[in-house]
Amino acid sequence: MTLTTRTPSALAAALRDIQSPVQADLAAVSDELWRIVAADVPLVQEVQGHLMGMKGKLFRPTLLLLASRIEERTSSKAVTFAAIIELIHLATLVHDDAVDHSALRRGMPTVNALFSHQVSVIMGDYLYLRALRELVSIGDLEAMRSITYASNEMTLGEIRQLGAFDALAFSERDYETLIRAKTASLFMAACDVGALCGAPRYREPLTRFGERLGMAFQVADDLLDYTEQQEMTGKPSGLDLKEHKVTLPLIAALREMDQTARGRVEALFASPEPEDDAIAEVVGIVRTHGGLEYARRRADQFSREAEEALLELPEGTARTSLLDSIAYVVERRW
């Protein structure tokens, strides 16, 4: 599988095709989200309305629902579990925006920008706790174990990232440990719980698929920061560099840099507020020293491993959609 480029409309069409076998259930997931987070508190209701408008493409719930249909049968609990997975994902976004003091998410104001930093932190906690309360009410210990394990991993991953004092000493092994915790763990939980809901004998390959897909997802996402052009400037955003975040393209390029090139990178990371010209220069250095190509190869490798896991599953529409989701992950644009 090769990392290529599709137009946003082509990607949207691809996602619709992937979701078509579970489209009715995805509509029910949205209803479940509202039910789970409902509270008779005006501020909570106001923030909830904003968050429900921000919810994304329901990709993780899609994975759970498709996994649950591998043997063409599924539990009635799958929709609620899918809503819980999305709620936890939404909670992480609220907390991430609070930590990063982000003003926009998917083109809309974040909770901390629209309300306050305090409201953002508390609402993230609220979403987590509502998800956990719902898990307890269902009473499925294996599903609870899987989802709470992922939540714990995501939290530890965030702490590890915040505790990395020497950013440029961050190794590829450190990076993979981080993205496995922060991103792949929830993909893995979605596929694991989906298997529990309808295909328990395929739990191991589905869980392995979710983990590999999550790794490919994050590498592709980190590549976008170096490749996707901003509408106003026509240049890559370089937001990760602006926030002094070290991802795989930079890690790979650092191994090939001479002292002059590394000095430019070190100067950017020493600056509290890097200028756009400095960011553009480092993006160019990373490209010249093979960082983007290396990251593409790793995304392709993770994709192939995800595909290999699916070969252990019976053929059918659910497996076909999961297979198509691999291409979507590495080609998408947000």
C-alpha atoms as a PDB file:
ATOM      1  CA  MET A   1       0.000   0.000   0.000  1.00  0.00           C
ATOM      2  CA  THR A   2       1.459   3.331  -1.062  1.00  0.00           C
ATOM      3  CA  LEU A   3       0.826   6.733   0.488  1.00  0.00           C
ATOM      4  CA  THR A   4      -0.797   8.837  -2.228  1.00  0.00           C
ATOM      5  CA  THR A   5      -2.902  11.973  -2.502  1.00  0.00           C
ATOM      6  CA  ARG A   6      -6.659  12.222  -2.991  1.00  0.00           C
ATOM      7  CA  THR A   7      -8.872  15.264  -3.139  1.00  0.00           C
ATOM      8  CA  PRO A   8     -11.009  16.020  -0.053  1.00  0.00           C
ATOM      9  CA  SER A   9     -14.168  15.107  -1.992  1.00  0.00           C
ATOM     10  CA  ALA A  10     -12.680  11.745  -3.016  1.00  0.00           C
ATOM     11  CA  LEU A  11     -11.722  11.032   0.588  1.00  0.00           C
ATOM     12  CA  ALA A  12     -15.205  11.960   1.813  1.00  0.00           C
ATOM     13  CA  ALA A  13     -16.697   9.580  -0.751  1.00  0.00           C
ATOM     14  CA  ALA A  14     -14.249   6.856   0.353  1.00  0.00           C
ATOM     15  CA  LEU A  15     -15.296   7.306   3.982  1.00  0.00           C
ATOM     16  CA  ARG A  16     -18.987   7.115   3.040  1.00  0.00           C
ATOM     17  CA  ASP A  17     -18.306   3.816   1.296  1.00  0.00           C
ATOM     18  CA  ILE A  18     -16.419   2.491   4.321  1.00  0.00           C
ATOM     19  CA  GLN A  19     -19.277   3.465   6.644  1.00  0.00           C
ATOM     20  CA  SER A  20     -22.127   2.285   4.404  1.00  0.00           C
ATOM     21  CA  PRO A  21     -22.512  -1.166   6.051  1.00  0.00           C
ATOM     22  CA  VAL A  22     -23.015   0.477   9.467  1.00  0.00           C
ATOM     23  CA  GLN A  23     -24.611   3.800   8.470  1.00  0.00           C
ATOM     24  CA  ALA A  24     -27.829   3.227  10.402  1.00  0.00           C
ATOM     25  CA  ASP A  25     -25.893   2.276  13.529  1.00  0.00           C
ATOM     26  CA  LEU A  26     -23.734   5.407  13.230  1.00  0.00           C
ATOM     27  CA  ALA A  27     -26.877   7.556  13.306  1.00  0.00           C
ATOM     28  CA  ALA A  28     -27.847   5.738  16.495  1.00  0.00           C
ATOM     29  CA  VAL A  29     -24.372   6.419  17.927  1.00  0.00           C
ATOM     30  CA  SER A  30     -25.028  10.158  17.671  1.00  0.00           C
ATOM     31  CA  ASP A  31     -28.290   9.722  19.591  1.00  0.00           C
ATOM     32  CA  GLU A  32     -26.476   7.670  22.233  1.00  0.00           C
ATOM     33  CA  LEU A  33     -23.860  10.392  22.662  1.00  0.00           C
ATOM     34  CA  TRP A  34     -26.580  12.898  23.535  1.00  0.00           C
ATOM     35  CA  ARG A  35     -28.234  10.460  25.947  1.00  0.00           C
ATOM     36  CA  ILE A  36     -25.018   9.608  27.791  1.00  0.00           C
ATOM     37  CA  VAL A  37     -23.880  13.206  28.331  1.00  0.00           C
ATOM     38  CA  ALA A  38     -27.303  14.670  29.163  1.00  0.00           C
ATOM     39  CA  ALA A  39     -27.420  16.758  32.355  1.00  0.00           C
ATOM     40  CA  ASP A  40     -29.844  19.326  33.745  1.00  0.00           C
ATOM     41  CA  VAL A  41     -27.166  22.014  34.055  1.00  0.00           C
ATOM     42  CA  PRO A  42     -27.387  25.013  31.679  1.00  0.00           C
ATOM     43  CA  LEU A  43     -23.612  25.444  31.241  1.00  0.00           C
ATOM     44  CA  VAL A  44     -23.139  21.729  30.590  1.00  0.00           C
ATOM     45  CA  GLN A  45     -25.938  21.820  28.009  1.00  0.00           C
ATOM     46  CA  GLU A  46     -24.389  24.806  26.268  1.00  0.00           C
ATOM     47  CA  VAL A  47     -20.944  23.232  26.072  1.00  0.00           C
ATOM     48  CA  GLN A  48     -22.441  19.904  24.972  1.00  0.00           C
ATOM     49  CA  GLY A  49     -24.256  21.597  22.109  1.00  0.00           C
ATOM     50  CA  HIS A  50     -20.983  23.090  20.940  1.00  0.00           C
ATOM     51  CA  LEU A  51     -19.099  19.786  21.288  1.00  0.00           C
ATOM     52  CA  MET A  52     -21.708  17.790  19.376  1.00  0.00           C
ATOM     53  CA  GLY A  53     -21.324  20.263  16.542  1.00  0.00           C
ATOM     54  CA  MET A  54     -17.568  19.644  16.623  1.00  0.00           C
ATOM     55  CA  LYS A  55     -17.660  15.853  16.616  1.00  0.00           C
ATOM     56  CA  GLY A  56     -15.763  14.441  13.704  1.00  0.00           C
ATOM     57  CA  LYS A  57     -16.340  11.661  11.233  1.00  0.00           C
ATOM     58  CA  LEU A  58     -17.037   8.958  13.863  1.00  0.00           C
ATOM     59  CA  PHE A  59     -14.129   6.943  12.521  1.00  0.00           C
ATOM     60  CA  ARG A  60     -13.374   5.032  15.730  1.00  0.00           C
ATOM     61  CA  PRO A  61     -17.046   4.073  16.237  1.00  0.00           C
ATOM     62  CA  THR A  62     -17.031   2.946  12.602  1.00  0.00           C
ATOM     63  CA  LEU A  63     -14.150   0.582  13.319  1.00  0.00           C
ATOM     64  CA  LEU A  64     -15.930  -0.842  16.364  1.00  0.00           C
ATOM     65  CA  LEU A  65     -19.176  -1.424  14.489  1.00  0.00           C
ATOM     66  CA  LEU A  66     -17.442  -3.000  11.494  1.00  0.00           C
ATOM     67  CA  ALA A  67     -15.394  -5.285  13.761  1.00  0.00           C
ATOM     68  CA  SER A  68     -18.603  -6.391  15.465  1.00  0.00           C
ATOM     69  CA  ARG A  69     -20.001  -7.522  12.082  1.00  0.00           C
ATOM     70  CA  ILE A  70     -17.125  -9.695  10.909  1.00  0.00           C
ATOM     71  CA  GLU A  71     -19.285 -12.788  11.396  1.00  0.00           C
ATOM     72  CA  GLU A  72     -22.416 -10.897  10.269  1.00  0.00           C
ATOM     73  CA  ARG A  73     -23.880 -10.746  13.750  1.00  0.00           C
ATOM     74  CA  THR A  74     -23.539  -8.139  16.443  1.00  0.00           C
ATOM     75  CA  SER A  75     -24.672  -7.329  19.958  1.00  0.00           C
ATOM     76  CA  SER A  76     -27.228  -4.622  20.652  1.00  0.00           C
ATOM     77  CA  LYS A  77     -24.595  -3.133  22.992  1.00  0.00           C
ATOM     78  CA  ALA A  78     -22.269  -2.306  20.076  1.00  0.00           C
ATOM     79  CA  VAL A  79     -23.890   1.077  19.415  1.00  0.00           C
ATOM     80  CA  THR A  80     -23.510   2.143  23.040  1.00  0.00           C
ATOM     81  CA  PHE A  81     -19.900   0.963  23.145  1.00  0.00           C
ATOM     82  CA  ALA A  82     -19.237   2.902  19.933  1.00  0.00           C
ATOM     83  CA  ALA A  83     -20.676   6.042  21.554  1.00  0.00           C
ATOM     84  CA  ILE A  84     -18.471   5.480  24.621  1.00  0.00           C
ATOM     85  CA  ILE A  85     -15.371   5.205  22.405  1.00  0.00           C
ATOM     86  CA  GLU A  86     -16.265   8.447  20.631  1.00  0.00           C
ATOM     87  CA  LEU A  87     -16.965  10.169  23.943  1.00  0.00           C
ATOM     88  CA  ILE A  88     -13.523   9.235  25.258  1.00  0.00           C
ATOM     89  CA  HIS A  89     -11.957  10.455  22.026  1.00  0.00           C
ATOM     90  CA  LEU A  90     -13.866  13.735  22.350  1.00  0.00           C
ATOM     91  CA  ALA A  91     -12.691  14.105  25.953  1.00  0.00           C
ATOM     92  CA  THR A  92      -9.063  13.731  24.853  1.00  0.00           C
ATOM     93  CA  LEU A  93      -9.532  16.461  22.237  1.00  0.00           C
ATOM     94  CA  VAL A  94     -11.006  18.838  24.835  1.00  0.00           C
ATOM     95  CA  HIS A  95      -8.085  18.165  27.171  1.00  0.00           C
ATOM     96  CA  ASP A  96      -5.510  18.430  24.365  1.00  0.00           C
ATOM     97  CA  ASP A  97      -6.895  21.818  23.357  1.00  0.00           C
ATOM     98  CA  ALA A  98      -6.734  22.943  26.980  1.00  0.00           C
ATOM     99  CA  VAL A  99      -3.118  21.765  27.364  1.00  0.00           C
ATOM    100  CA  ASP A 100      -2.066  23.373  24.069  1.00  0.00           C
ATOM    101  CA  HIS A 101      -4.234  26.500  24.561  1.00  0.00           C
ATOM    102  CA  SER A 102      -5.595  25.898  21.047  1.00  0.00           C
ATOM    103  CA  ALA A 103      -8.139  28.366  19.711  1.00  0.00           C
ATOM    104  CA  LEU A 104      -9.503  26.294  16.817  1.00  0.00           C
ATOM    105  CA  ARG A 105     -10.411  22.661  16.220  1.00  0.00           C
ATOM    106  CA  ARG A 106     -11.738  21.599  12.788  1.00  0.00           C
ATOM    107  CA  GLY A 107     -12.291  25.238  11.936  1.00  0.00           C
ATOM    108  CA  MET A 108     -14.457  25.884  15.027  1.00  0.00           C
ATOM    109  CA  PRO A 109     -13.602  27.586  18.321  1.00  0.00           C
ATOM    110  CA  THR A 110     -12.385  25.179  21.001  1.00  0.00           C
ATOM    111  CA  VAL A 111     -14.122  24.918  24.366  1.00  0.00           C
ATOM    112  CA  ASN A 112     -11.317  26.824  26.098  1.00  0.00           C
ATOM    113  CA  ALA A 113     -11.494  29.593  23.477  1.00  0.00           C
ATOM    114  CA  LEU A 114     -15.278  29.890  23.522  1.00  0.00           C
ATOM    115  CA  PHE A 115     -15.806  29.429  27.264  1.00  0.00           C
ATOM    116  CA  SER A 116     -12.686  29.264  29.450  1.00  0.00           C
ATOM    117  CA  HIS A 117      -9.684  27.108  30.231  1.00  0.00           C
ATOM    118  CA  GLN A 118     -11.329  26.004  33.486  1.00  0.00           C
ATOM    119  CA  VAL A 119     -14.535  24.955  31.730  1.00  0.00           C
ATOM    120  CA  SER A 120     -12.476  23.026  29.168  1.00  0.00           C
ATOM    121  CA  VAL A 121     -10.631  21.012  31.821  1.00  0.00           C
ATOM    122  CA  ILE A 122     -13.775  20.231  33.811  1.00  0.00           C
ATOM    123  CA  MET A 123     -15.787  19.320  30.687  1.00  0.00           C
ATOM    124  CA  GLY A 124     -13.075  16.934  29.554  1.00  0.00           C
ATOM    125  CA  ASP A 125     -13.277  15.246  32.963  1.00  0.00           C
ATOM    126  CA  TYR A 126     -17.069  15.197  32.737  1.00  0.00           C
ATOM    127  CA  LEU A 127     -17.030  13.449  29.352  1.00  0.00           C
ATOM    128  CA  TYR A 128     -14.602  10.807  30.637  1.00  0.00           C
ATOM    129  CA  LEU A 129     -16.687  10.166  33.732  1.00  0.00           C
ATOM    130  CA  ARG A 130     -19.951   9.918  31.793  1.00  0.00           C
ATOM    131  CA  ALA A 131     -18.299   7.349  29.523  1.00  0.00           C
ATOM    132  CA  LEU A 132     -17.079   5.357  32.532  1.00  0.00           C
ATOM    133  CA  ARG A 133     -20.471   5.554  34.231  1.00  0.00           C
ATOM    134  CA  GLU A 134     -22.070   4.116  31.108  1.00  0.00           C
ATOM    135  CA  LEU A 135     -19.500   1.315  31.022  1.00  0.00           C
ATOM    136  CA  VAL A 136     -20.325   0.418  34.627  1.00  0.00           C
ATOM    137  CA  SER A 137     -24.060   0.377  33.869  1.00  0.00           C
ATOM    138  CA  ILE A 138     -23.507  -2.077  30.982  1.00  0.00           C
ATOM    139  CA  GLY A 139     -21.473  -4.337  33.256  1.00  0.00           C
ATOM    140  CA  ASP A 140     -19.298  -6.002  30.598  1.00  0.00           C
ATOM    141  CA  LEU A 141     -16.020  -6.495  32.452  1.00  0.00           C
ATOM    142  CA  GLU A 142     -13.915  -7.404  29.384  1.00  0.00           C
ATOM    143  CA  ALA A 143     -15.076  -4.359  27.436  1.00  0.00           C
ATOM    144  CA  MET A 144     -14.521  -2.180  30.500  1.00  0.00           C
ATOM    145  CA  ARG A 145     -11.010  -3.574  30.897  1.00  0.00           C
ATOM    146  CA  SER A 146     -10.172  -2.834  27.250  1.00  0.00           C
ATOM    147  CA  ILE A 147     -11.515   0.725  27.232  1.00  0.00           C
ATOM    148  CA  THR A 148     -10.086   1.741  30.603  1.00  0.00           C
ATOM    149  CA  TYR A 149      -6.701   0.308  29.595  1.00  0.00           C
ATOM    150  CA  ALA A 150      -6.745   2.529  26.499  1.00  0.00           C
ATOM    151  CA  SER A 151      -7.753   5.568  28.577  1.00  0.00           C
ATOM    152  CA  ASN A 152      -4.895   4.921  30.970  1.00  0.00           C
ATOM    153  CA  GLU A 153      -2.413   4.534  28.095  1.00  0.00           C
ATOM    154  CA  MET A 154      -3.543   7.814  26.504  1.00  0.00           C
ATOM    155  CA  THR A 155      -3.071   9.648  29.784  1.00  0.00           C
ATOM    156  CA  LEU A 156       0.381   8.163  30.360  1.00  0.00           C
ATOM    157  CA  GLY A 157       1.335   9.026  26.792  1.00  0.00           C
ATOM    158  CA  GLU A 158       0.403  12.646  27.352  1.00  0.00           C
ATOM    159  CA  ILE A 159       2.429  12.742  30.575  1.00  0.00           C
ATOM    160  CA  ARG A 160       5.456  11.212  28.816  1.00  0.00           C
ATOM    161  CA  GLN A 161       5.251  13.862  26.112  1.00  0.00           C
ATOM    162  CA  LEU A 162       5.010  16.685  28.637  1.00  0.00           C
ATOM    163  CA  GLY A 163       7.953  15.212  30.555  1.00  0.00           C
ATOM    164  CA  ALA A 164      10.303  15.075  27.548  1.00  0.00           C
ATOM    165  CA  PHE A 165      12.714  17.860  28.497  1.00  0.00           C
ATOM    166  CA  ASP A 166      15.239  17.381  25.672  1.00  0.00           C
ATOM    167  CA  ALA A 167      12.944  17.287  22.648  1.00  0.00           C
ATOM    168  CA  LEU A 168      15.690  16.683  20.088  1.00  0.00           C
ATOM    169  CA  ALA A 169      16.889  13.608  21.982  1.00  0.00           C
ATOM    170  CA  PHE A 170      13.501  11.987  21.299  1.00  0.00           C
ATOM    171  CA  SER A 171      14.219   8.724  19.466  1.00  0.00           C
ATOM    172  CA  GLU A 172      12.157   6.762  16.967  1.00  0.00           C
ATOM    173  CA  ARG A 173      11.539   4.180  19.683  1.00  0.00           C
ATOM    174  CA  ASP A 174      10.304   6.937  22.029  1.00  0.00           C
ATOM    175  CA  TYR A 175       8.058   8.240  19.258  1.00  0.00           C
ATOM    176  CA  GLU A 176       6.504   4.840  18.564  1.00  0.00           C
ATOM    177  CA  THR A 177       5.923   4.246  22.278  1.00  0.00           C
ATOM    178  CA  LEU A 178       4.198   7.628  22.436  1.00  0.00           C
ATOM    179  CA  ILE A 179       1.884   7.203  19.437  1.00  0.00           C
ATOM    180  CA  ARG A 180       1.029   3.646  20.454  1.00  0.00           C
ATOM    181  CA  ALA A 181      -0.215   5.059  23.763  1.00  0.00           C
ATOM    182  CA  LYS A 182      -1.784   8.343  22.629  1.00  0.00           C
ATOM    183  CA  THR A 183      -3.414   7.203  19.380  1.00  0.00           C
ATOM    184  CA  ALA A 184      -3.198   3.493  18.620  1.00  0.00           C
ATOM    185  CA  SER A 185      -4.508   2.370  22.016  1.00  0.00           C
ATOM    186  CA  LEU A 186      -8.002   3.746  21.335  1.00  0.00           C
ATOM    187  CA  PHE A 187      -8.067   2.277  17.806  1.00  0.00           C
ATOM    188  CA  MET A 188      -7.078  -1.040  19.382  1.00  0.00           C
ATOM    189  CA  ALA A 189      -9.812  -0.776  22.021  1.00  0.00           C
ATOM    190  CA  ALA A 190     -12.433   0.040  19.379  1.00  0.00           C
ATOM    191  CA  CYS A 191     -11.584  -3.088  17.383  1.00  0.00           C
ATOM    192  CA  ASP A 192     -11.218  -5.223  20.511  1.00  0.00           C
ATOM    193  CA  VAL A 193     -14.621  -4.246  21.902  1.00  0.00           C
ATOM    194  CA  GLY A 194     -16.140  -4.655  18.447  1.00  0.00           C
ATOM    195  CA  ALA A 195     -14.826  -8.217  18.373  1.00  0.00           C
ATOM    196  CA  LEU A 196     -16.326  -8.853  21.820  1.00  0.00           C
ATOM    197  CA  CYS A 197     -19.702  -7.690  20.491  1.00  0.00           C
ATOM    198  CA  GLY A 198     -19.893 -10.030  17.509  1.00  0.00           C
ATOM    199  CA  ALA A 199     -16.720 -11.895  16.591  1.00  0.00           C
ATOM    200  CA  PRO A 200     -14.935 -12.954  19.809  1.00  0.00           C
ATOM    201  CA  ARG A 201     -12.909 -15.720  18.142  1.00  0.00           C
ATOM    202  CA  TYR A 202     -11.289 -13.073  15.918  1.00  0.00           C
ATOM    203  CA  ARG A 203     -10.444 -10.791  18.818  1.00  0.00           C
ATOM    204  CA  GLU A 204      -6.653 -11.154  18.480  1.00  0.00           C
ATOM    205  CA  PRO A 205      -6.311 -10.268  14.753  1.00  0.00           C
ATOM    206  CA  LEU A 206      -8.862  -7.457  15.065  1.00  0.00           C
ATOM    207  CA  THR A 207      -7.010  -5.971  18.028  1.00  0.00           C
ATOM    208  CA  ARG A 208      -3.722  -6.254  16.140  1.00  0.00           C
ATOM    209  CA  PHE A 209      -5.338  -4.597  13.122  1.00  0.00           C
ATOM    210  CA  GLY A 210      -6.553  -1.697  15.280  1.00  0.00           C
ATOM    211  CA  GLU A 211      -3.133  -1.143  16.807  1.00  0.00           C
ATOM    212  CA  ARG A 212      -1.336  -1.170  13.437  1.00  0.00           C
ATOM    213  CA  LEU A 213      -3.999   1.056  11.866  1.00  0.00           C
ATOM    214  CA  GLY A 214      -3.652   3.543  14.720  1.00  0.00           C
ATOM    215  CA  MET A 215       0.109   3.685  14.227  1.00  0.00           C
ATOM    216  CA  ALA A 216      -0.310   4.331  10.493  1.00  0.00           C
ATOM    217  CA  PHE A 217      -2.954   6.967  11.277  1.00  0.00           C
ATOM    218  CA  GLN A 218      -0.645   8.961  13.540  1.00  0.00           C
ATOM    219  CA  VAL A 219       2.390   8.806  11.250  1.00  0.00           C
ATOM    220  CA  ALA A 220       0.226  10.003   8.355  1.00  0.00           C
ATOM    221  CA  ASP A 221      -1.191  12.745  10.578  1.00  0.00           C
ATOM    222  CA  ASP A 222       2.306  13.910  11.537  1.00  0.00           C
ATOM    223  CA  LEU A 223       3.301  13.961   7.867  1.00  0.00           C
ATOM    224  CA  LEU A 224       0.466  16.378   7.131  1.00  0.00           C
ATOM    225  CA  ASP A 225       2.133  19.023   9.267  1.00  0.00           C
ATOM    226  CA  TYR A 226       5.040  19.010   6.804  1.00  0.00           C
ATOM    227  CA  THR A 227       3.101  18.529   3.570  1.00  0.00           C
ATOM    228  CA  GLU A 228      -0.415  19.981   3.687  1.00  0.00           C
ATOM    229  CA  GLN A 229      -0.547  23.486   2.317  1.00  0.00           C
ATOM    230  CA  GLN A 230      -2.292  26.283   4.198  1.00  0.00           C
ATOM    231  CA  GLU A 231      -4.932  28.117   2.161  1.00  0.00           C
ATOM    232  CA  MET A 232      -3.599  31.575   2.997  1.00  0.00           C
ATOM    233  CA  THR A 233       0.152  31.034   2.677  1.00  0.00           C
ATOM    234  CA  GLY A 234       0.458  28.045   0.354  1.00  0.00           C
ATOM    235  CA  LYS A 235       3.054  26.641   2.774  1.00  0.00           C
ATOM    236  CA  PRO A 236       2.912  23.753   5.262  1.00  0.00           C
ATOM    237  CA  SER A 237       1.556  24.851   8.639  1.00  0.00           C
ATOM    238  CA  GLY A 238       4.513  23.537  10.655  1.00  0.00           C
ATOM    239  CA  LEU A 239       2.328  23.673  13.766  1.00  0.00           C
ATOM    240  CA  ASP A 240       4.172  20.802  15.431  1.00  0.00           C
ATOM    241  CA  LEU A 241       7.470  22.616  14.912  1.00  0.00           C
ATOM    242  CA  LYS A 242       5.943  25.848  16.217  1.00  0.00           C
ATOM    243  CA  GLU A 243       4.937  23.963  19.378  1.00  0.00           C
ATOM    244  CA  HIS A 244       8.363  22.253  19.579  1.00  0.00           C
ATOM    245  CA  LYS A 245       6.881  18.790  18.989  1.00  0.00           C
ATOM    246  CA  VAL A 246       9.244  16.196  17.551  1.00  0.00           C
ATOM    247  CA  THR A 247       7.586  13.698  15.213  1.00  0.00           C
ATOM    248  CA  LEU A 248       8.888  10.992  12.901  1.00  0.00           C
ATOM    249  CA  PRO A 249       9.811  13.164   9.885  1.00  0.00           C
ATOM    250  CA  LEU A 250      12.132  15.283  12.045  1.00  0.00           C
ATOM    251  CA  ILE A 251      13.506  12.293  13.970  1.00  0.00           C
ATOM    252  CA  ALA A 252      14.464  10.562  10.717  1.00  0.00           C
ATOM    253  CA  ALA A 253      15.956  13.713   9.175  1.00  0.00           C
ATOM    254  CA  LEU A 254      18.056  14.488  12.267  1.00  0.00           C
ATOM    255  CA  ARG A 255      19.949  11.243  11.731  1.00  0.00           C
ATOM    256  CA  GLU A 256      21.132  12.511   8.325  1.00  0.00           C
ATOM    257  CA  MET A 257      21.839  16.177   9.120  1.00  0.00           C
ATOM    258  CA  ASP A 258      25.217  17.879   9.218  1.00  0.00           C
ATOM    259  CA  GLN A 259      26.033  20.331  12.003  1.00  0.00           C
ATOM    260  CA  THR A 260      24.855  23.359  10.039  1.00  0.00           C
ATOM    261  CA  ALA A 261      21.401  21.910   9.373  1.00  0.00           C
ATOM    262  CA  ARG A 262      21.084  20.630  12.942  1.00  0.00           C
ATOM    263  CA  GLY A 263      22.066  24.077  14.193  1.00  0.00           C
ATOM    264  CA  ARG A 264      19.089  25.604  12.356  1.00  0.00           C
ATOM    265  CA  VAL A 265      16.787  23.055  13.989  1.00  0.00           C
ATOM    266  CA  GLU A 266      18.275  23.696  17.424  1.00  0.00           C
ATOM    267  CA  ALA A 267      17.820  27.440  16.941  1.00  0.00           C
ATOM    268  CA  LEU A 268      14.137  26.937  16.159  1.00  0.00           C
ATOM    269  CA  PHE A 269      13.633  24.784  19.258  1.00  0.00           C
ATOM    270  CA  ALA A 270      15.479  27.352  21.386  1.00  0.00           C
ATOM    271  CA  SER A 271      13.069  30.089  20.276  1.00  0.00           C
ATOM    272  CA  PRO A 272       9.944  30.470  22.454  1.00  0.00           C
ATOM    273  CA  GLU A 273       7.952  31.740  19.442  1.00  0.00           C
ATOM    274  CA  PRO A 274       9.567  30.550  16.178  1.00  0.00           C
ATOM    275  CA  GLU A 275       9.073  32.813  13.178  1.00  0.00           C
ATOM    276  CA  ASP A 276       7.274  31.498  10.095  1.00  0.00           C
ATOM    277  CA  ASP A 277      10.453  31.810   8.020  1.00  0.00           C
ATOM    278  CA  ALA A 278      12.385  29.658  10.493  1.00  0.00           C
ATOM    279  CA  ILE A 279       9.635  27.038  10.456  1.00  0.00           C
ATOM    280  CA  ALA A 280       9.581  27.008   6.646  1.00  0.00           C
ATOM    281  CA  GLU A 281      13.364  26.607   6.613  1.00  0.00           C
ATOM    282  CA  VAL A 282      13.264  23.603   8.941  1.00  0.00           C
ATOM    283  CA  VAL A 283      10.435  22.032   6.935  1.00  0.00           C
ATOM    284  CA  GLY A 284      12.717  22.311   3.909  1.00  0.00           C
ATOM    285  CA  ILE A 285      15.645  20.813   5.828  1.00  0.00           C
ATOM    286  CA  VAL A 286      13.523  17.854   6.931  1.00  0.00           C
ATOM    287  CA  ARG A 287      12.396  17.268   3.354  1.00  0.00           C
ATOM    288  CA  THR A 288      15.942  17.545   1.946  1.00  0.00           C
ATOM    289  CA  HIS A 289      17.305  15.072   4.496  1.00  0.00           C
ATOM    290  CA  GLY A 290      14.736  12.376   3.732  1.00  0.00           C
ATOM    291  CA  GLY A 291      12.476  12.763   6.745  1.00  0.00           C
ATOM    292  CA  LEU A 292       9.230  12.829   4.789  1.00  0.00           C
ATOM    293  CA  GLU A 293      10.114   9.834   2.645  1.00  0.00           C
ATOM    294  CA  TYR A 294      11.157   7.804   5.685  1.00  0.00           C
ATOM    295  CA  ALA A 295       7.884   8.605   7.474  1.00  0.00           C
ATOM    296  CA  ARG A 296       5.926   7.602   4.366  1.00  0.00           C
ATOM    297  CA  ARG A 297       7.699   4.246   4.293  1.00  0.00           C
ATOM    298  CA  ARG A 298       6.884   3.651   7.969  1.00  0.00           C
ATOM    299  CA  ALA A 299       3.218   4.550   7.391  1.00  0.00           C
ATOM    300  CA  ASP A 300       3.195   2.081   4.501  1.00  0.00           C
ATOM    301  CA  GLN A 301       4.760  -0.591   6.700  1.00  0.00           C
ATOM    302  CA  PHE A 302       2.198  -0.140   9.460  1.00  0.00           C
ATOM    303  CA  SER A 303      -0.514  -0.256   6.779  1.00  0.00           C
ATOM    304  CA  ARG A 304       0.782  -3.536   5.395  1.00  0.00           C
ATOM    305  CA  GLU A 305       0.828  -5.041   8.884  1.00  0.00           C
ATOM    306  CA  ALA A 306      -2.773  -3.936   9.417  1.00  0.00           C
ATOM    307  CA  GLU A 307      -3.724  -5.525   6.108  1.00  0.00           C
ATOM    308  CA  GLU A 308      -1.983  -8.782   7.067  1.00  0.00           C
ATOM    309  CA  ALA A 309      -4.065  -8.968  10.257  1.00  0.00           C
ATOM    310  CA  LEU A 310      -7.267  -8.685   8.221  1.00  0.00           C
ATOM    311  CA  LEU A 311      -6.298 -11.661   6.055  1.00  0.00           C
ATOM    312  CA  GLU A 312      -7.024 -13.847   9.089  1.00  0.00           C
ATOM    313  CA  LEU A 313     -10.697 -12.781   9.028  1.00  0.00           C
ATOM    314  CA  PRO A 314     -13.530 -14.268   6.950  1.00  0.00           C
ATOM    315  CA  GLU A 315     -14.411 -12.436   3.744  1.00  0.00           C
ATOM    316  CA  GLY A 316     -17.426 -10.152   3.789  1.00  0.00           C
ATOM    317  CA  THR A 317     -18.576  -6.543   3.589  1.00  0.00           C
ATOM    318  CA  ALA A 318     -17.237  -5.697   7.051  1.00  0.00           C
ATOM    319  CA  ARG A 319     -13.755  -6.973   6.235  1.00  0.00           C
ATOM    320  CA  THR A 320     -13.809  -5.119   2.901  1.00  0.00           C
ATOM    321  CA  SER A 321     -14.667  -1.857   4.673  1.00  0.00           C
ATOM    322  CA  LEU A 322     -11.923  -2.392   7.252  1.00  0.00           C
ATOM    323  CA  LEU A 323      -9.474  -3.019   4.422  1.00  0.00           C
ATOM    324  CA  ASP A 324     -10.598   0.184   2.687  1.00  0.00           C
ATOM    325  CA  SER A 325     -10.129   2.068   5.949  1.00  0.00           C
ATOM    326  CA  ILE A 326      -6.377   1.465   5.719  1.00  0.00           C
ATOM    327  CA  ALA A 327      -6.090   3.429   2.469  1.00  0.00           C
ATOM    328  CA  TYR A 328      -8.362   6.117   3.886  1.00  0.00           C
ATOM    329  CA  VAL A 329      -6.162   6.537   6.960  1.00  0.00           C
ATOM    330  CA  VAL A 330      -2.937   7.132   5.038  1.00  0.00           C
ATOM    331  CA  GLU A 331      -4.502   9.291   2.324  1.00  0.00           C
ATOM    332  CA  ARG A 332      -6.920  11.431   4.327  1.00  0.00           C
ATOM    333  CA  ARG A 333      -6.888  15.203   4.746  1.00  0.00           C
ATOM    334  CA  TRP A 334      -8.482  16.812   7.839  1.00  0.00           C
END
